[in-house]
N, C-alpha and C. Protein backbone atom coordinates (compact mmCIF):
# COMPACT_ATOMS: atom_id res chain seq x y z
N MET A 1 -80.76 -0.71 18.28
CA MET A 1 -79.45 -0.23 18.70
C MET A 1 -79.37 0.50 20.71
N PRO A 2 -78.46 -0.52 21.14
CA PRO A 2 -79.10 -0.24 22.82
C PRO A 2 -77.49 1.25 23.02
N SER A 3 -78.92 2.28 23.88
CA SER A 3 -77.95 3.12 23.89
C SER A 3 -77.04 2.77 25.12
N LEU A 4 -75.77 3.81 25.15
CA LEU A 4 -74.97 4.26 26.02
C LEU A 4 -75.75 4.63 27.25
N GLY A 5 -75.27 3.87 28.58
CA GLY A 5 -75.04 3.88 29.48
C GLY A 5 -73.71 4.21 30.89
N VAL A 6 -74.78 3.99 31.93
CA VAL A 6 -73.11 5.38 32.86
C VAL A 6 -72.37 4.42 32.81
N PRO A 7 -72.12 3.33 32.96
CA PRO A 7 -71.02 1.90 33.37
C PRO A 7 -70.12 2.12 31.97
N GLU A 8 -70.62 2.52 30.08
CA GLU A 8 -70.18 2.03 29.66
C GLU A 8 -69.28 3.62 29.41
N LEU A 9 -70.49 4.60 29.28
CA LEU A 9 -69.76 6.08 29.89
C LEU A 9 -68.06 6.08 30.43
N LEU A 10 -67.75 5.68 31.41
CA LEU A 10 -66.94 5.08 32.42
C LEU A 10 -66.04 4.50 32.17
N ILE A 11 -66.81 3.18 31.07
CA ILE A 11 -64.98 3.14 30.77
C ILE A 11 -64.74 2.91 29.36
N ILE A 12 -65.82 4.38 28.50
CA ILE A 12 -65.36 5.45 27.56
C ILE A 12 -63.82 5.70 28.30
N LEU A 13 -64.09 6.52 28.53
CA LEU A 13 -63.53 7.53 29.42
C LEU A 13 -62.18 6.70 30.29
N VAL A 14 -62.62 6.07 31.02
CA VAL A 14 -60.81 5.09 31.30
C VAL A 14 -60.40 4.49 29.63
N ILE A 15 -60.36 3.39 29.53
CA ILE A 15 -59.99 3.99 27.94
C ILE A 15 -59.23 5.88 27.26
N ILE A 16 -60.06 5.80 27.04
CA ILE A 16 -59.20 7.36 27.05
C ILE A 16 -58.37 7.53 27.57
N LEU A 17 -58.44 8.33 29.66
CA LEU A 17 -57.35 8.27 30.14
C LEU A 17 -56.36 7.69 29.46
N LEU A 18 -55.86 6.23 29.55
CA LEU A 18 -55.71 5.60 29.54
C LEU A 18 -54.65 5.85 28.11
N LEU A 19 -54.74 6.19 26.89
CA LEU A 19 -54.54 6.26 25.79
C LEU A 19 -53.92 7.75 26.16
N PHE A 20 -53.97 8.22 26.39
CA PHE A 20 -53.32 10.21 25.97
C PHE A 20 -53.63 10.32 27.29
N GLY A 21 -53.35 10.00 28.08
CA GLY A 21 -53.13 10.45 29.19
C GLY A 21 -53.79 11.64 29.64
N ALA A 22 -53.82 12.17 31.73
CA ALA A 22 -54.15 13.09 31.97
C ALA A 22 -53.33 14.68 31.81
N SER A 23 -51.99 14.98 30.82
CA SER A 23 -51.57 16.03 30.98
C SER A 23 -52.15 16.01 29.64
N ARG A 24 -52.47 15.77 28.76
CA ARG A 24 -52.54 15.83 27.76
C ARG A 24 -54.41 16.11 26.59
N ILE A 25 -54.91 15.49 27.89
CA ILE A 25 -56.21 14.94 27.38
C ILE A 25 -56.67 17.10 28.48
N THR A 26 -56.15 17.26 29.44
CA THR A 26 -56.56 18.84 30.01
C THR A 26 -56.26 20.25 29.46
N GLY A 27 -54.81 19.45 28.04
CA GLY A 27 -54.36 20.78 27.42
C GLY A 27 -55.56 20.83 26.00
N ILE A 28 -56.28 19.16 25.49
CA ILE A 28 -57.12 19.12 24.49
C ILE A 28 -58.25 19.84 25.00
N ALA A 29 -58.22 19.66 26.73
CA ALA A 29 -59.81 20.33 27.32
C ALA A 29 -59.88 21.85 27.02
N GLY A 30 -58.32 22.41 27.39
CA GLY A 30 -58.14 24.07 27.34
C GLY A 30 -58.74 24.49 26.09
N ALA A 31 -58.35 23.60 24.76
CA ALA A 31 -58.29 23.99 23.50
C ALA A 31 -59.67 24.01 23.41
N LEU A 32 -59.74 23.48 23.23
CA LEU A 32 -61.63 22.91 22.68
C LEU A 32 -62.70 23.80 24.06
N GLY A 33 -61.88 24.45 24.76
CA GLY A 33 -62.33 25.65 25.81
C GLY A 33 -62.73 26.88 25.06
N GLY A 34 -61.14 26.95 24.64
CA GLY A 34 -60.99 28.49 23.73
C GLY A 34 -61.64 27.96 22.63
N SER A 35 -62.04 26.78 22.14
CA SER A 35 -62.83 27.36 20.55
C SER A 35 -63.99 27.09 20.50
N ILE A 36 -64.59 27.02 21.32
CA ILE A 36 -65.80 27.20 21.85
C ILE A 36 -65.79 28.47 22.05
N LYS A 37 -65.38 28.95 23.28
CA LYS A 37 -65.40 30.84 22.89
C LYS A 37 -64.90 31.94 21.33
N ALA A 38 -63.89 31.04 21.14
CA ALA A 38 -63.73 32.28 20.36
C ALA A 38 -65.12 32.36 19.25
N PHE A 39 -66.08 30.58 19.31
CA PHE A 39 -67.13 30.52 18.37
C PHE A 39 -68.23 31.21 18.80
N ARG A 40 -68.70 31.45 19.63
CA ARG A 40 -69.12 31.41 20.64
C ARG A 40 -69.31 33.69 20.42
N LYS A 41 -68.16 33.63 20.72
CA LYS A 41 -68.21 35.72 19.96
C LYS A 41 -67.64 35.42 18.75
N ALA A 42 -68.16 34.62 17.66
CA ALA A 42 -68.05 35.34 16.29
C ALA A 42 -69.67 34.90 16.01
N VAL A 43 -70.25 34.09 16.06
CA VAL A 43 -71.68 34.06 15.98
C VAL A 43 -72.03 35.20 16.43
N ARG A 44 -71.73 35.65 17.92
CA ARG A 44 -72.22 37.20 18.81
C ARG A 44 -72.09 38.37 17.84
N GLU A 45 -70.44 38.07 17.18
CA GLU A 45 -70.55 39.65 16.15
C GLU A 45 -70.88 39.06 15.23
N GLU A 46 -71.20 38.02 14.68
CA GLU A 46 -72.03 37.61 13.46
C GLU A 46 -73.79 38.09 13.22
N ASP A 47 -74.26 37.62 14.83
CA ASP A 47 -75.65 38.48 14.82
C ASP A 47 -76.22 40.02 15.32
N ASP A 48 -75.04 41.28 15.67
CA ASP A 48 -75.15 42.09 15.47
C ASP A 48 -74.85 42.81 14.48
N GLY A 49 -73.75 42.07 13.87
CA GLY A 49 -73.59 43.27 12.01
C GLY A 49 -74.44 42.74 11.68
N THR A 50 -75.53 40.96 11.29
CA THR A 50 -76.44 40.84 10.07
C THR A 50 -78.04 41.59 10.75
N ALA A 51 -77.94 41.92 12.58
CA ALA A 51 -78.95 42.01 12.79
C ALA A 51 -78.78 44.52 12.65
N LYS A 52 -77.82 44.84 11.94
CA LYS A 52 -78.13 45.98 11.67
C LYS A 52 -78.12 46.12 10.09
N GLY A 53 -77.30 45.03 9.24
CA GLY A 53 -77.55 44.69 8.06
C GLY A 53 -78.66 44.69 7.61
N ASP A 54 -79.37 44.01 8.49
CA ASP A 54 -80.83 43.24 8.56
C ASP A 54 -81.55 44.90 7.63
N LYS A 55 -82.07 45.54 8.85
CA LYS A 55 -82.64 46.65 8.91
C LYS A 55 -82.44 47.38 7.78
N ALA A 56 -81.17 48.23 7.34
CA ALA A 56 -80.55 48.32 6.54
C ALA A 56 -81.41 48.03 5.37
N ASP A 57 -81.12 47.16 5.02
CA ASP A 57 -81.95 46.62 3.87
C ASP A 57 -82.96 46.47 4.05
N GLN A 58 -83.88 46.55 5.19
CA GLN A 58 -85.01 46.26 4.94
C GLN A 58 -86.02 47.76 4.52
N ALA A 59 -85.17 49.05 4.94
CA ALA A 59 -85.61 50.32 5.02
C ALA A 59 -85.44 50.46 3.21
N GLU A 60 -84.74 49.83 3.38
CA GLU A 60 -84.23 49.91 1.51
C GLU A 60 -85.58 48.99 0.54
N THR A 61 -85.98 48.42 0.84
CA THR A 61 -86.22 47.34 0.13
C THR A 61 -87.94 48.06 0.54
N LYS A 62 -88.41 48.62 1.65
CA LYS A 62 -89.56 49.70 1.34
C LYS A 62 -89.14 50.53 0.65
N ALA A 63 -88.33 51.99 0.72
CA ALA A 63 -88.37 52.57 0.08
C ALA A 63 -88.28 52.32 -1.56
N GLU A 64 -87.75 50.37 -2.21
CA GLU A 64 -87.47 51.12 -3.22
C GLU A 64 -89.52 50.47 -3.40
N THR A 65 -90.48 49.77 -3.23
CA THR A 65 -91.30 49.28 -3.54
C THR A 65 -92.57 50.52 -2.90
N LYS A 66 -91.96 51.54 -2.20
CA LYS A 66 -92.71 52.54 -2.61
C LYS A 66 -92.56 52.93 -3.94
N ALA A 67 -91.45 53.47 -4.62
CA ALA A 67 -91.09 54.14 -5.54
C ALA A 67 -91.18 53.02 -6.32
N GLU A 68 -91.90 52.44 -6.57
CA GLU A 68 -92.97 50.87 -7.61
C GLU A 68 -93.84 51.49 -7.58
N THR A 69 -94.47 51.29 -6.69
CA THR A 69 -95.54 51.46 -6.66
C THR A 69 -96.44 52.68 -6.75
N LYS A 70 -95.92 54.04 -7.00
CA LYS A 70 -96.14 55.45 -7.37
C LYS A 70 -95.80 55.49 -8.99
N ALA A 71 -94.76 55.14 -9.16
CA ALA A 71 -94.32 54.71 -11.16
C ALA A 71 -95.28 53.97 -11.50
């Protein structure tokens, strides 16, 4: 399957511009940018929360393992 080159991509972009119009494309691009920003923020918050939770889980697991080996 042939790959898309620069001329093909330009033709696709012109067709999209004709179909949707410049103002609608800028609105879509703004909404897409806002969605990406919100997604990155959520992933960052999840990573921070998970990292803290993982440390607590690891400490709990170590304590359980020590208790089992003593018994």
